[in-house]
């Protein structure tokens, strides 16, 4: 069974820009924070229709720093969970598929590929 996770969020290309954001704030559905080392994090969350989901993008300081993406899903409970460990999950962001990620563990975030963070 194919499972799709819908995230109605801002495209994360803003995170890849070399312009730094100082401090913290919000932009549309994203929470943004940059620390004193120049590392910035951008977090977004699911629509209200499914298990709690978050996606976190982290970009270290530096003009050529790569963006790291992590995907976390927190099932409500075993009886009514939508996603099982080992299942492929298709991630949708602003109506565009980012592809699939395998849900490895309920205890740690699943990593997005480099292609999924562009």
PDB file of N, CA and C in Angstrom:
ATOM      1  N   UNK A   1       0.847  -1.183   0.000  1.00  0.00           N
ATOM      2  CA  UNK A   1       0.000   0.000   0.000  1.00  0.00           C
ATOM      3  C   UNK A   1       0.889   1.241   0.000  1.00  0.00           C
ATOM      4  N   UNK A   2       0.609   2.146  -0.903  1.00  0.00           N
ATOM      5  CA  UNK A   2       1.373   3.386  -0.984  1.00  0.00           C
ATOM      6  C   UNK A   2       0.798   4.392   0.000  1.00  0.00           C
ATOM      7  N   UNK A   3       1.656   4.978   0.797  1.00  0.00           N
ATOM      8  CA  UNK A   3       1.225   5.973   1.779  1.00  0.00           C
ATOM      9  C   UNK A   3       1.805   7.314   1.384  1.00  0.00           C
ATOM     10  N   UNK A   4       0.985   8.317   1.319  1.00  0.00           N
ATOM     11  CA  UNK A   4       1.455   9.656   0.973  1.00  0.00           C
ATOM     12  C   UNK A   4       1.277  10.565   2.175  1.00  0.00           C
ATOM     13  N   UNK A   5       2.285  11.329   2.462  1.00  0.00           N
ATOM     14  CA  UNK A   5       2.228  12.314   3.528  1.00  0.00           C
ATOM     15  C   UNK A   5       2.160  13.679   2.865  1.00  0.00           C
ATOM     16  N   UNK A   6       1.128  14.430   3.170  1.00  0.00           N
ATOM     17  CA  UNK A   6       0.942  15.739   2.563  1.00  0.00           C
ATOM     18  C   UNK A   6       1.409  16.822   3.513  1.00  0.00           C
ATOM     19  N   UNK A   7       2.309  17.630   3.040  1.00  0.00           N
ATOM     20  CA  UNK A   7       2.807  18.761   3.808  1.00  0.00           C
ATOM     21  C   UNK A   7       2.520  20.012   2.993  1.00  0.00           C
ATOM     22  N   UNK A   8       1.708  20.897   3.522  1.00  0.00           N
ATOM     23  CA  UNK A   8       1.427  22.132   2.798  1.00  0.00           C
ATOM     24  C   UNK A   8       2.348  23.205   3.354  1.00  0.00           C
ATOM     25  N   UNK A   9       3.526  23.275   2.779  1.00  0.00           N
ATOM     26  CA  UNK A   9       4.568  24.130   3.308  1.00  0.00           C
ATOM     27  C   UNK A   9       5.248  24.918   2.197  1.00  0.00           C
ATOM     28  N   UNK A  10       6.032  25.885   2.602  1.00  0.00           N
ATOM     29  CA  UNK A  10       6.841  26.698   1.710  1.00  0.00           C
ATOM     30  C   UNK A  10       7.942  25.863   1.086  1.00  0.00           C
ATOM     31  N   UNK A  11       8.246  26.041  -0.187  1.00  0.00           N
ATOM     32  CA  UNK A  11       9.393  25.328  -0.754  1.00  0.00           C
ATOM     33  C   UNK A  11      10.655  25.660   0.026  1.00  0.00           C
ATOM     34  N   UNK A  12      11.476  24.661   0.270  1.00  0.00           N
ATOM     35  CA  UNK A  12      12.627  24.866   1.124  1.00  0.00           C
ATOM     36  C   UNK A  12      13.831  25.401   0.389  1.00  0.00           C
ATOM     37  N   UNK A  13      13.647  25.856  -0.839  1.00  0.00           N
ATOM     38  CA  UNK A  13      14.762  26.482  -1.545  1.00  0.00           C
ATOM     39  C   UNK A  13      15.198  27.753  -0.841  1.00  0.00           C
ATOM     40  N   UNK A  14      14.309  28.370  -0.083  1.00  0.00           N
ATOM     41  CA  UNK A  14      14.681  29.560   0.688  1.00  0.00           C
ATOM     42  C   UNK A  14      15.788  29.231   1.673  1.00  0.00           C
ATOM     43  N   UNK A  15      15.799  28.006   2.157  1.00  0.00           N
ATOM     44  CA  UNK A  15      16.823  27.586   3.108  1.00  0.00           C
ATOM     45  C   UNK A  15      18.192  27.516   2.453  1.00  0.00           C
ATOM     46  N   UNK A  16      18.231  27.200   1.173  1.00  0.00           N
ATOM     47  CA  UNK A  16      19.503  27.017   0.484  1.00  0.00           C
ATOM     48  C   UNK A  16      20.143  28.336   0.076  1.00  0.00           C
ATOM     49  N   UNK A  17      19.409  29.405   0.173  1.00  0.00           N
ATOM     50  CA  UNK A  17      19.959  30.706  -0.204  1.00  0.00           C
ATOM     51  C   UNK A  17      21.107  31.079   0.724  1.00  0.00           C
ATOM     52  N   UNK A  18      22.066  31.802   0.202  1.00  0.00           N
ATOM     53  CA  UNK A  18      23.235  32.137   1.021  1.00  0.00           C
ATOM     54  C   UNK A  18      22.967  33.298   1.972  1.00  0.00           C
ATOM     55  N   UNK A  19      21.829  33.962   1.824  1.00  0.00           N
ATOM     56  CA  UNK A  19      21.491  35.048   2.730  1.00  0.00           C
ATOM     57  C   UNK A  19      21.109  34.472   4.081  1.00  0.00           C
ATOM     58  N   UNK A  20      21.707  34.979   5.134  1.00  0.00           N
ATOM     59  CA  UNK A  20      21.411  34.426   6.455  1.00  0.00           C
ATOM     60  C   UNK A  20      20.213  35.131   7.073  1.00  0.00           C
ATOM     61  N   UNK A  21      19.484  34.376   7.878  1.00  0.00           N
ATOM     62  CA  UNK A  21      18.362  34.905   8.640  1.00  0.00           C
ATOM     63  C   UNK A  21      18.845  34.987  10.075  1.00  0.00           C
ATOM     64  N   UNK A  22      18.763  36.131  10.688  1.00  0.00           N
ATOM     65  CA  UNK A  22      19.256  36.288  12.056  1.00  0.00           C
ATOM     66  C   UNK A  22      18.127  36.023  13.045  1.00  0.00           C
ATOM     67  N   UNK A  23      18.419  35.215  14.061  1.00  0.00           N
ATOM     68  CA  UNK A  23      17.454  34.972  15.120  1.00  0.00           C
ATOM     69  C   UNK A  23      16.453  33.908  14.765  1.00  0.00           C
ATOM     70  N   UNK A  24      15.182  34.204  15.059  1.00  0.00           N
ATOM     71  CA  UNK A  24      14.140  33.235  14.767  1.00  0.00           C
ATOM     72  C   UNK A  24      12.877  33.929  14.319  1.00  0.00           C
ATOM     73  N   UNK A  25      12.018  33.154  13.674  1.00  0.00           N
ATOM     74  CA  UNK A  25      10.779  33.717  13.187  1.00  0.00           C
ATOM     75  C   UNK A  25       9.968  32.671  12.459  1.00  0.00           C
ATOM     76  N   UNK A  26       8.937  33.133  11.783  1.00  0.00           N
ATOM     77  CA  UNK A  26       8.052  32.271  11.014  1.00  0.00           C
ATOM     78  C   UNK A  26       7.904  32.849   9.624  1.00  0.00           C
ATOM     79  N   UNK A  27       7.776  31.966   8.658  1.00  0.00           N
ATOM     80  CA  UNK A  27       7.466  32.372   7.299  1.00  0.00           C
ATOM     81  C   UNK A  27       6.440  31.391   6.777  1.00  0.00           C
ATOM     82  N   UNK A  28       5.247  31.880   6.484  1.00  0.00           N
ATOM     83  CA  UNK A  28       4.123  31.042   6.096  1.00  0.00           C
ATOM     84  C   UNK A  28       3.975  29.931   7.130  1.00  0.00           C
ATOM     85  N   UNK A  29       4.108  28.659   6.740  1.00  0.00           N
ATOM     86  CA  UNK A  29       3.926  27.551   7.680  1.00  0.00           C
ATOM     87  C   UNK A  29       5.232  27.047   8.286  1.00  0.00           C
ATOM     88  N   UNK A  30       6.323  27.738   8.074  1.00  0.00           N
ATOM     89  CA  UNK A  30       7.643  27.290   8.544  1.00  0.00           C
ATOM     90  C   UNK A  30       8.073  28.022   9.801  1.00  0.00           C
ATOM     91  N   UNK A  31       8.724  27.295  10.706  1.00  0.00           N
ATOM     92  CA  UNK A  31       9.406  27.894  11.856  1.00  0.00           C
ATOM     93  C   UNK A  31      10.883  27.965  11.500  1.00  0.00           C
ATOM     94  N   UNK A  32      11.483  29.135  11.647  1.00  0.00           N
ATOM     95  CA  UNK A  32      12.877  29.358  11.267  1.00  0.00           C
ATOM     96  C   UNK A  32      13.685  29.801  12.470  1.00  0.00           C
ATOM     97  N   UNK A  33      14.911  29.280  12.585  1.00  0.00           N
ATOM     98  CA  UNK A  33      15.809  29.720  13.647  1.00  0.00           C
ATOM     99  C   UNK A  33      17.248  29.581  13.160  1.00  0.00           C
ATOM    100  N   UNK A  34      18.051  30.586  13.465  1.00  0.00           N
ATOM    101  CA  UNK A  34      19.485  30.556  13.181  1.00  0.00           C
ATOM    102  C   UNK A  34      20.221  30.827  14.483  1.00  0.00           C
ATOM    103  N   UNK A  35      21.262  30.044  14.738  1.00  0.00           N
ATOM    104  CA  UNK A  35      22.005  30.234  15.979  1.00  0.00           C
ATOM    105  C   UNK A  35      23.245  31.096  15.746  1.00  0.00           C
ATOM    106  N   UNK A  36      24.020  31.307  16.799  1.00  0.00           N
ATOM    107  CA  UNK A  36      25.164  32.210  16.703  1.00  0.00           C
ATOM    108  C   UNK A  36      26.338  31.617  15.923  1.00  0.00           C
ATOM    109  N   UNK A  37      26.251  30.347  15.511  1.00  0.00           N
ATOM    110  CA  UNK A  37      27.290  29.768  14.657  1.00  0.00           C
ATOM    111  C   UNK A  37      26.968  29.931  13.183  1.00  0.00           C
ATOM    112  N   UNK A  38      25.777  30.459  12.890  1.00  0.00           N
ATOM    113  CA  UNK A  38      25.357  30.624  11.506  1.00  0.00           C
ATOM    114  C   UNK A  38      24.594  29.430  10.963  1.00  0.00           C
ATOM    115  N   UNK A  39      24.347  28.431  11.804  1.00  0.00           N
ATOM    116  CA  UNK A  39      23.551  27.278  11.392  1.00  0.00           C
ATOM    117  C   UNK A  39      22.076  27.653  11.469  1.00  0.00           C
ATOM    118  N   UNK A  40      21.345  27.349  10.400  1.00  0.00           N
ATOM    119  CA  UNK A  40      19.915  27.672  10.349  1.00  0.00           C
ATOM    120  C   UNK A  40      19.098  26.390  10.230  1.00  0.00           C
ATOM    121  N   UNK A  41      17.946  26.408  10.873  1.00  0.00           N
ATOM    122  CA  UNK A  41      17.025  25.277  10.833  1.00  0.00           C
ATOM    123  C   UNK A  41      15.642  25.787  10.448  1.00  0.00           C
ATOM    124  N   UNK A  42      14.962  24.977   9.658  1.00  0.00           N
ATOM    125  CA  UNK A  42      13.627  25.322   9.206  1.00  0.00           C
ATOM    126  C   UNK A  42      12.754  24.086   9.404  1.00  0.00           C
ATOM    127  N   UNK A  43      11.675  24.234  10.163  1.00  0.00           N
ATOM    128  CA  UNK A  43      10.802  23.100  10.471  1.00  0.00           C
ATOM    129  C   UNK A  43       9.392  23.376   9.976  1.00  0.00           C
ATOM    130  N   UNK A  44       8.775  22.340   9.442  1.00  0.00           N
ATOM    131  CA  UNK A  44       7.397  22.419   8.993  1.00  0.00           C
ATOM    132  C   UNK A  44       6.649  21.181   9.448  1.00  0.00           C
ATOM    133  N   UNK A  45       5.324  21.285   9.448  1.00  0.00           N
ATOM    134  CA  UNK A  45       4.498  20.229  10.018  1.00  0.00           C
ATOM    135  C   UNK A  45       3.362  19.872   9.076  1.00  0.00           C
ATOM    136  N   UNK A  46       2.748  18.704   9.314  1.00  0.00           N
ATOM    137  CA  UNK A  46       1.694  18.159   8.465  1.00  0.00           C
ATOM    138  C   UNK A  46       0.431  18.998   8.497  1.00  0.00           C
ATOM    139  N   UNK A  47      -0.445  18.684   7.528  1.00  0.00           N
ATOM    140  CA  UNK A  47      -1.791  19.216   7.661  1.00  0.00           C
ATOM    141  C   UNK A  47      -2.448  18.448   8.802  1.00  0.00           C
ATOM    142  N   UNK A  48      -3.636  18.785   9.168  1.00  0.00           N
ATOM    143  CA  UNK A  48      -4.259  18.218  10.371  1.00  0.00           C
ATOM    144  C   UNK A  48      -4.940  16.871  10.150  1.00  0.00           C
ATOM    145  N   UNK A  49      -4.787  16.261   8.978  1.00  0.00           N
ATOM    146  CA  UNK A  49      -5.572  15.072   8.670  1.00  0.00           C
ATOM    147  C   UNK A  49      -4.876  13.740   8.924  1.00  0.00           C
ATOM    148  N   UNK A  50      -3.667  13.742   9.459  1.00  0.00           N
ATOM    149  CA  UNK A  50      -2.955  12.475   9.600  1.00  0.00           C
ATOM    150  C   UNK A  50      -2.086  12.458  10.853  1.00  0.00           C
ATOM    151  N   UNK A  51      -1.309  11.376  11.002  1.00  0.00           N
ATOM    152  CA  UNK A  51      -0.376  11.271  12.120  1.00  0.00           C
ATOM    153  C   UNK A  51       0.517  12.504  12.167  1.00  0.00           C
ATOM    154  N   UNK A  52       0.967  12.892  13.362  1.00  0.00           N
ATOM    155  CA  UNK A  52       1.884  14.036  13.466  1.00  0.00           C
ATOM    156  C   UNK A  52       3.173  13.789  12.675  1.00  0.00           C
ATOM    157  N   UNK A  53       3.489  14.730  11.801  1.00  0.00           N
ATOM    158  CA  UNK A  53       4.656  14.640  10.925  1.00  0.00           C
ATOM    159  C   UNK A  53       5.411  15.952  10.996  1.00  0.00           C
ATOM    160  N   UNK A  54       6.737  15.863  10.978  1.00  0.00           N
ATOM    161  CA  UNK A  54       7.541  17.081  10.856  1.00  0.00           C
ATOM    162  C   UNK A  54       8.666  16.832   9.871  1.00  0.00           C
ATOM    163  N   UNK A  55       9.102  17.903   9.260  1.00  0.00           N
ATOM    164  CA  UNK A  55      10.238  17.852   8.354  1.00  0.00           C
ATOM    165  C   UNK A  55      11.171  18.978   8.780  1.00  0.00           C
ATOM    166  N   UNK A  56      12.443  18.652   8.927  1.00  0.00           N
ATOM    167  CA  UNK A  56      13.430  19.602   9.422  1.00  0.00           C
ATOM    168  C   UNK A  56      14.562  19.711   8.416  1.00  0.00           C
ATOM    169  N   UNK A  57      14.865  20.933   8.017  1.00  0.00           N
ATOM    170  CA  UNK A  57      16.002  21.206   7.148  1.00  0.00           C
ATOM    171  C   UNK A  57      17.024  21.987   7.952  1.00  0.00           C
ATOM    172  N   UNK A  58      18.270  21.548   7.875  1.00  0.00           N
ATOM    173  CA  UNK A  58      19.359  22.198   8.598  1.00  0.00           C
ATOM    174  C   UNK A  58      20.443  22.567   7.603  1.00  0.00           C
ATOM    175  N   UNK A  59      20.918  23.798   7.712  1.00  0.00           N
ATOM    176  CA  UNK A  59      22.003  24.266   6.850  1.00  0.00           C
ATOM    177  C   UNK A  59      23.048  24.920   7.734  1.00  0.00           C
ATOM    178  N   UNK A  60      24.252  24.342   7.734  1.00  0.00           N
ATOM    179  CA  UNK A  60      25.359  24.906   8.503  1.00  0.00           C
ATOM    180  C   UNK A  60      25.830  26.192   7.837  1.00  0.00           C
ATOM    181  N   UNK A  61      26.601  26.973   8.565  1.00  0.00           N
ATOM    182  CA  UNK A  61      27.148  28.212   8.019  1.00  0.00           C
ATOM    183  C   UNK A  61      28.069  27.895   6.846  1.00  0.00           C
ATOM    184  N   UNK A  62      28.181  28.844   5.952  1.00  0.00           N
ATOM    185  CA  UNK A  62      29.084  28.688   4.816  1.00  0.00           C
ATOM    186  C   UNK A  62      28.338  28.739   3.507  1.00  0.00           C
ATOM    187  N   UNK A  63      28.952  29.383   2.549  1.00  0.00           N
ATOM    188  CA  UNK A  63      28.316  29.601   1.250  1.00  0.00           C
ATOM    189  C   UNK A  63      27.968  28.299   0.537  1.00  0.00           C
ATOM    190  N   UNK A  64      28.790  27.278   0.671  1.00  0.00           N
ATOM    191  CA  UNK A  64      28.570  26.023  -0.049  1.00  0.00           C
ATOM    192  C   UNK A  64      28.042  24.902   0.840  1.00  0.00           C
ATOM    193  N   UNK A  65      27.517  25.244   1.995  1.00  0.00           N
ATOM    194  CA  UNK A  65      27.019  24.219   2.917  1.00  0.00           C
ATOM    195  C   UNK A  65      25.808  23.505   2.326  1.00  0.00           C
ATOM    196  N   UNK A  66      25.778  22.210   2.521  1.00  0.00           N
ATOM    197  CA  UNK A  66      24.655  21.407   2.039  1.00  0.00           C
ATOM    198  C   UNK A  66      23.486  21.505   3.017  1.00  0.00           C
ATOM    199  N   UNK A  67      22.304  21.266   2.510  1.00  0.00           N
ATOM    200  CA  UNK A  67      21.102  21.232   3.337  1.00  0.00           C
ATOM    201  C   UNK A  67      20.835  19.775   3.706  1.00  0.00           C
ATOM    202  N   UNK A  68      20.656  19.516   4.992  1.00  0.00           N
ATOM    203  CA  UNK A  68      20.319  18.177   5.473  1.00  0.00           C
ATOM    204  C   UNK A  68      18.835  18.153   5.803  1.00  0.00           C
ATOM    205  N   UNK A  69      18.143  17.111   5.373  1.00  0.00           N
ATOM    206  CA  UNK A  69      16.719  16.990   5.643  1.00  0.00           C
ATOM    207  C   UNK A  69      16.399  15.766   6.476  1.00  0.00           C
ATOM    208  N   UNK A  70      15.528  15.945   7.454  1.00  0.00           N
ATOM    209  CA  UNK A  70      15.072  14.834   8.293  1.00  0.00           C
ATOM    210  C   UNK A  70      13.551  14.856   8.354  1.00  0.00           C
ATOM    211  N   UNK A  71      12.981  13.666   8.357  1.00  0.00           N
ATOM    212  CA  UNK A  71      11.539  13.479   8.331  1.00  0.00           C
ATOM    213  C   UNK A  71      11.152  12.640   9.540  1.00  0.00           C
ATOM    214  N   UNK A  72      10.212  13.124  10.328  1.00  0.00           N
ATOM    215  CA  UNK A  72       9.783  12.400  11.523  1.00  0.00           C
ATOM    216  C   UNK A  72       8.273  12.218  11.492  1.00  0.00           C
ATOM    217  N   UNK A  73       7.842  11.007  11.779  1.00  0.00           N
ATOM    218  CA  UNK A  73       6.414  10.733  11.911  1.00  0.00           C
ATOM    219  C   UNK A  73       6.205  10.083  13.274  1.00  0.00           C
ATOM    220  N   UNK A  74       5.215  10.563  13.988  1.00  0.00           N
ATOM    221  CA  UNK A  74       4.920  10.057  15.330  1.00  0.00           C
ATOM    222  C   UNK A  74       3.527   9.444  15.327  1.00  0.00           C
ATOM    223  N   UNK A  75       3.440   8.137  15.129  1.00  0.00           N
ATOM    224  CA  UNK A  75       2.121   7.500  15.103  1.00  0.00           C
ATOM    225  C   UNK A  75       1.386   7.692  16.426  1.00  0.00           C
ATOM    226  N   UNK A  76       0.055   7.798  16.347  1.00  0.00           N
ATOM    227  CA  UNK A  76      -0.766   7.968  17.544  1.00  0.00           C
ATOM    228  C   UNK A  76      -0.701   6.742  18.440  1.00  0.00           C
ATOM    229  N   UNK A  77      -0.671   5.567  17.866  1.00  0.00           N
ATOM    230  CA  UNK A  77      -0.641   4.324  18.634  1.00  0.00           C
ATOM    231  C   UNK A  77      -0.656   3.140  17.689  1.00  0.00           C
ATOM    232  N   UNK A  78      -0.356   1.972  18.206  1.00  0.00           N
ATOM    233  CA  UNK A  78      -0.269   0.779  17.365  1.00  0.00           C
ATOM    234  C   UNK A  78      -1.601   0.447  16.690  1.00  0.00           C
ATOM    235  N   UNK A  79      -2.698   0.612  17.383  1.00  0.00           N
ATOM    236  CA  UNK A  79      -3.991   0.178  16.859  1.00  0.00           C
ATOM    237  C   UNK A  79      -4.461   1.008  15.672  1.00  0.00           C
ATOM    238  N   UNK A  80      -4.192   2.299  15.687  1.00  0.00           N
ATOM    239  CA  UNK A  80      -4.748   3.165  14.643  1.00  0.00           C
ATOM    240  C   UNK A  80      -3.677   3.859  13.807  1.00  0.00           C
ATOM    241  N   UNK A  81      -2.471   3.350  13.796  1.00  0.00           N
ATOM    242  CA  UNK A  81      -1.387   4.010  13.071  1.00  0.00           C
ATOM    243  C   UNK A  81      -1.556   3.858  11.563  1.00  0.00           C
ATOM    244  N   UNK A  82      -1.194   4.905  10.837  1.00  0.00           N
ATOM    245  CA  UNK A  82      -1.285   4.911   9.379  1.00  0.00           C
ATOM    246  C   UNK A  82      -0.022   4.371   8.723  1.00  0.00           C
ATOM    247  N   UNK A  83       1.118   4.473   9.395  1.00  0.00           N
ATOM    248  CA  UNK A  83       2.406   4.113   8.810  1.00  0.00           C
ATOM    249  C   UNK A  83       3.120   3.104   9.700  1.00  0.00           C
ATOM    250  N   UNK A  84       3.617   2.048   9.084  1.00  0.00           N
ATOM    251  CA  UNK A  84       4.356   1.015   9.804  1.00  0.00           C
ATOM    252  C   UNK A  84       5.857   1.180   9.566  1.00  0.00           C
ATOM    253  N   UNK A  85       6.665   0.754  10.529  1.00  0.00           N
ATOM    254  CA  UNK A  85       8.115   0.736  10.352  1.00  0.00           C
ATOM    255  C   UNK A  85       8.436  -0.162   9.161  1.00  0.00           C
ATOM    256  N   UNK A  86       9.330   0.292   8.293  1.00  0.00           N
ATOM    257  CA  UNK A  86       9.706  -0.443   7.089  1.00  0.00           C
ATOM    258  C   UNK A  86       8.897  -0.057   5.863  1.00  0.00           C
ATOM    259  N   UNK A  87       7.866   0.725   6.050  1.00  0.00           N
ATOM    260  CA  UNK A  87       6.997   1.131   4.948  1.00  0.00           C
ATOM    261  C   UNK A  87       7.595   2.318   4.203  1.00  0.00           C
ATOM    262  N   UNK A  88       7.423   2.339   2.883  1.00  0.00           N
ATOM    263  CA  UNK A  88       7.803   3.497   2.083  1.00  0.00           C
ATOM    264  C   UNK A  88       6.725   4.559   2.208  1.00  0.00           C
ATOM    265  N   UNK A  89       7.145   5.795   2.414  1.00  0.00           N
ATOM    266  CA  UNK A  89       6.222   6.915   2.554  1.00  0.00           C
ATOM    267  C   UNK A  89       6.530   7.914   1.453  1.00  0.00           C
ATOM    268  N   UNK A  90       5.519   8.317   0.716  1.00  0.00           N
ATOM    269  CA  UNK A  90       5.707   9.346  -0.298  1.00  0.00           C
ATOM    270  C   UNK A  90       5.437  10.700   0.344  1.00  0.00           C
ATOM    271  N   UNK A  91       6.370  11.616   0.165  1.00  0.00           N
ATOM    272  CA  UNK A  91       6.260  12.945   0.767  1.00  0.00           C
ATOM    273  C   UNK A  91       5.818  13.933  -0.304  1.00  0.00           C
ATOM    274  N   UNK A  92       4.762  14.691   0.008  1.00  0.00           N
ATOM    275  CA  UNK A  92       4.254  15.730  -0.889  1.00  0.00           C
ATOM    276  C   UNK A  92       4.431  17.080  -0.221  1.00  0.00           C
ATOM    277  N   UNK A  93       4.951  18.028  -0.965  1.00  0.00           N
ATOM    278  CA  UNK A  93       5.185  19.373  -0.457  1.00  0.00           C
ATOM    279  C   UNK A  93       4.656  20.362  -1.479  1.00  0.00           C
ATOM    280  N   UNK A  94       3.654  21.142  -1.104  1.00  0.00           N
ATOM    281  CA  UNK A  94       3.034  22.117  -2.006  1.00  0.00           C
ATOM    282  C   UNK A  94       2.585  21.489  -3.322  1.00  0.00           C
ATOM    283  N   UNK A  95       1.963  20.331  -3.243  1.00  0.00           N
ATOM    284  CA  UNK A  95       1.429  19.677  -4.427  1.00  0.00           C
ATOM    285  C   UNK A  95       2.464  18.975  -5.290  1.00  0.00           C
ATOM    286  N   UNK A  96       3.707  18.900  -4.849  1.00  0.00           N
ATOM    287  CA  UNK A  96       4.778  18.264  -5.620  1.00  0.00           C
ATOM    288  C   UNK A  96       5.360  17.107  -4.810  1.00  0.00           C
ATOM    289  N   UNK A  97       5.503  15.968  -5.452  1.00  0.00           N
ATOM    290  CA  UNK A  97       6.086  14.814  -4.777  1.00  0.00           C
ATOM    291  C   UNK A  97       7.590  15.005  -4.626  1.00  0.00           C
ATOM    292  N   UNK A  98       8.082  14.787  -3.415  1.00  0.00           N
ATOM    293  CA  UNK A  98       9.528  14.795  -3.175  1.00  0.00           C
ATOM    294  C   UNK A  98      10.092  13.384  -3.284  1.00  0.00           C
ATOM    295  N   UNK A  99       9.257  12.436  -3.614  1.00  0.00           N
ATOM    296  CA  UNK A  99       9.693  11.053  -3.687  1.00  0.00           C
ATOM    297  C   UNK A  99       9.385  10.325  -2.395  1.00  0.00           C
ATOM    298  N   UNK A 100      10.002   9.174  -2.253  1.00  0.00           N
ATOM    299  CA  UNK A 100       9.709   8.309  -1.111  1.00  0.00           C
ATOM    300  C   UNK A 100      10.872   8.270  -0.136  1.00  0.00           C
ATOM    301  N   UNK A 101      10.524   8.019   1.104  1.00  0.00           N
ATOM    302  CA  UNK A 101      11.499   7.762   2.156  1.00  0.00           C
ATOM    303  C   UNK A 101      11.014   6.515   2.889  1.00  0.00           C
ATOM    304  N   UNK A 102      11.941   5.648   3.248  1.00  0.00           N
ATOM    305  CA  UNK A 102      11.566   4.450   4.008  1.00  0.00           C
ATOM    306  C   UNK A 102      11.525   4.810   5.484  1.00  0.00           C
ATOM    307  N   UNK A 103      10.398   4.500   6.119  1.00  0.00           N
ATOM    308  CA  UNK A 103      10.242   4.766   7.549  1.00  0.00           C
ATOM    309  C   UNK A 103      11.009   3.692   8.311  1.00  0.00           C
ATOM    310  N   UNK A 104      12.191   4.042   8.811  1.00  0.00           N
ATOM    311  CA  UNK A 104      13.100   3.096   9.444  1.00  0.00           C
ATOM    312  C   UNK A 104      12.750   2.842  10.908  1.00  0.00           C
ATOM    313  N   UNK A 105      12.340   3.897  11.622  1.00  0.00           N
ATOM    314  CA  UNK A 105      12.145   3.756  13.064  1.00  0.00           C
ATOM    315  C   UNK A 105      11.168   4.806  13.576  1.00  0.00           C
ATOM    316  N   UNK A 106      10.406   4.445  14.594  1.00  0.00           N
ATOM    317  CA  UNK A 106       9.567   5.433  15.270  1.00  0.00           C
ATOM    318  C   UNK A 106      10.384   6.256  16.258  1.00  0.00           C
ATOM    319  N   UNK A 107      11.613   5.821  16.532  1.00  0.00           N
ATOM    320  CA  UNK A 107      12.438   6.459  17.558  1.00  0.00           C
ATOM    321  C   UNK A 107      13.455   7.462  17.027  1.00  0.00           C
ATOM    322  N   UNK A 108      13.660   7.510  15.723  1.00  0.00           N
ATOM    323  CA  UNK A 108      14.650   8.424  15.143  1.00  0.00           C
ATOM    324  C   UNK A 108      14.133   8.936  13.806  1.00  0.00           C
ATOM    325  N   UNK A 109      14.540  10.146  13.416  1.00  0.00           N
ATOM    326  CA  UNK A 109      14.073  10.685  12.139  1.00  0.00           C
ATOM    327  C   UNK A 109      14.624   9.905  10.949  1.00  0.00           C
ATOM    328  N   UNK A 110      13.850   9.862   9.883  1.00  0.00           N
ATOM    329  CA  UNK A 110      14.299   9.285   8.622  1.00  0.00           C
ATOM    330  C   UNK A 110      15.005  10.389   7.839  1.00  0.00           C
ATOM    331  N   UNK A 111      16.098  10.054   7.170  1.00  0.00           N
ATOM    332  CA  UNK A 111      16.869  11.060   6.440  1.00  0.00           C
ATOM    333  C   UNK A 111      16.375  11.190   5.011  1.00  0.00           C
ATOM    334  N   UNK A 112      16.289  12.432   4.553  1.00  0.00           N
ATOM    335  CA  UNK A 112      15.954  12.700   3.168  1.00  0.00           C
ATOM    336  C   UNK A 112      17.223  12.619   2.331  1.00  0.00           C
ATOM    337  N   UNK A 113      17.067  12.290   1.063  1.00  0.00           N
ATOM    338  CA  UNK A 113      18.213  12.234   0.166  1.00  0.00           C
ATOM    339  C   UNK A 113      18.626  13.647  -0.232  1.00  0.00           C
ATOM    340  N   UNK A 114      19.808  13.757  -0.800  1.00  0.00           N
ATOM    341  CA  UNK A 114      20.283  15.058  -1.278  1.00  0.00           C
ATOM    342  C   UNK A 114      19.323  15.628  -2.321  1.00  0.00           C
ATOM    343  N   UNK A 115      18.814  14.774  -3.184  1.00  0.00           N
ATOM    344  CA  UNK A 115      17.867  15.215  -4.217  1.00  0.00           C
ATOM    345  C   UNK A 115      16.582  15.765  -3.590  1.00  0.00           C
ATOM    346  N   UNK A 116      16.137  15.187  -2.482  1.00  0.00           N
ATOM    347  CA  UNK A 116      14.912  15.630  -1.825  1.00  0.00           C
ATOM    348  C   UNK A 116      15.087  16.950  -1.084  1.00  0.00           C
ATOM    349  N   UNK A 117      16.300  17.378  -0.846  1.00  0.00           N
ATOM    350  CA  UNK A 117      16.523  18.636  -0.125  1.00  0.00           C
ATOM    351  C   UNK A 117      16.821  19.803  -1.051  1.00  0.00           C
ATOM    352  N   UNK A 118      16.805  19.576  -2.358  1.00  0.00           N
ATOM    353  CA  UNK A 118      17.071  20.673  -3.310  1.00  0.00           C
ATOM    354  C   UNK A 118      15.831  21.481  -3.558  1.00  0.00           C
TER     355      UNK A 118
END
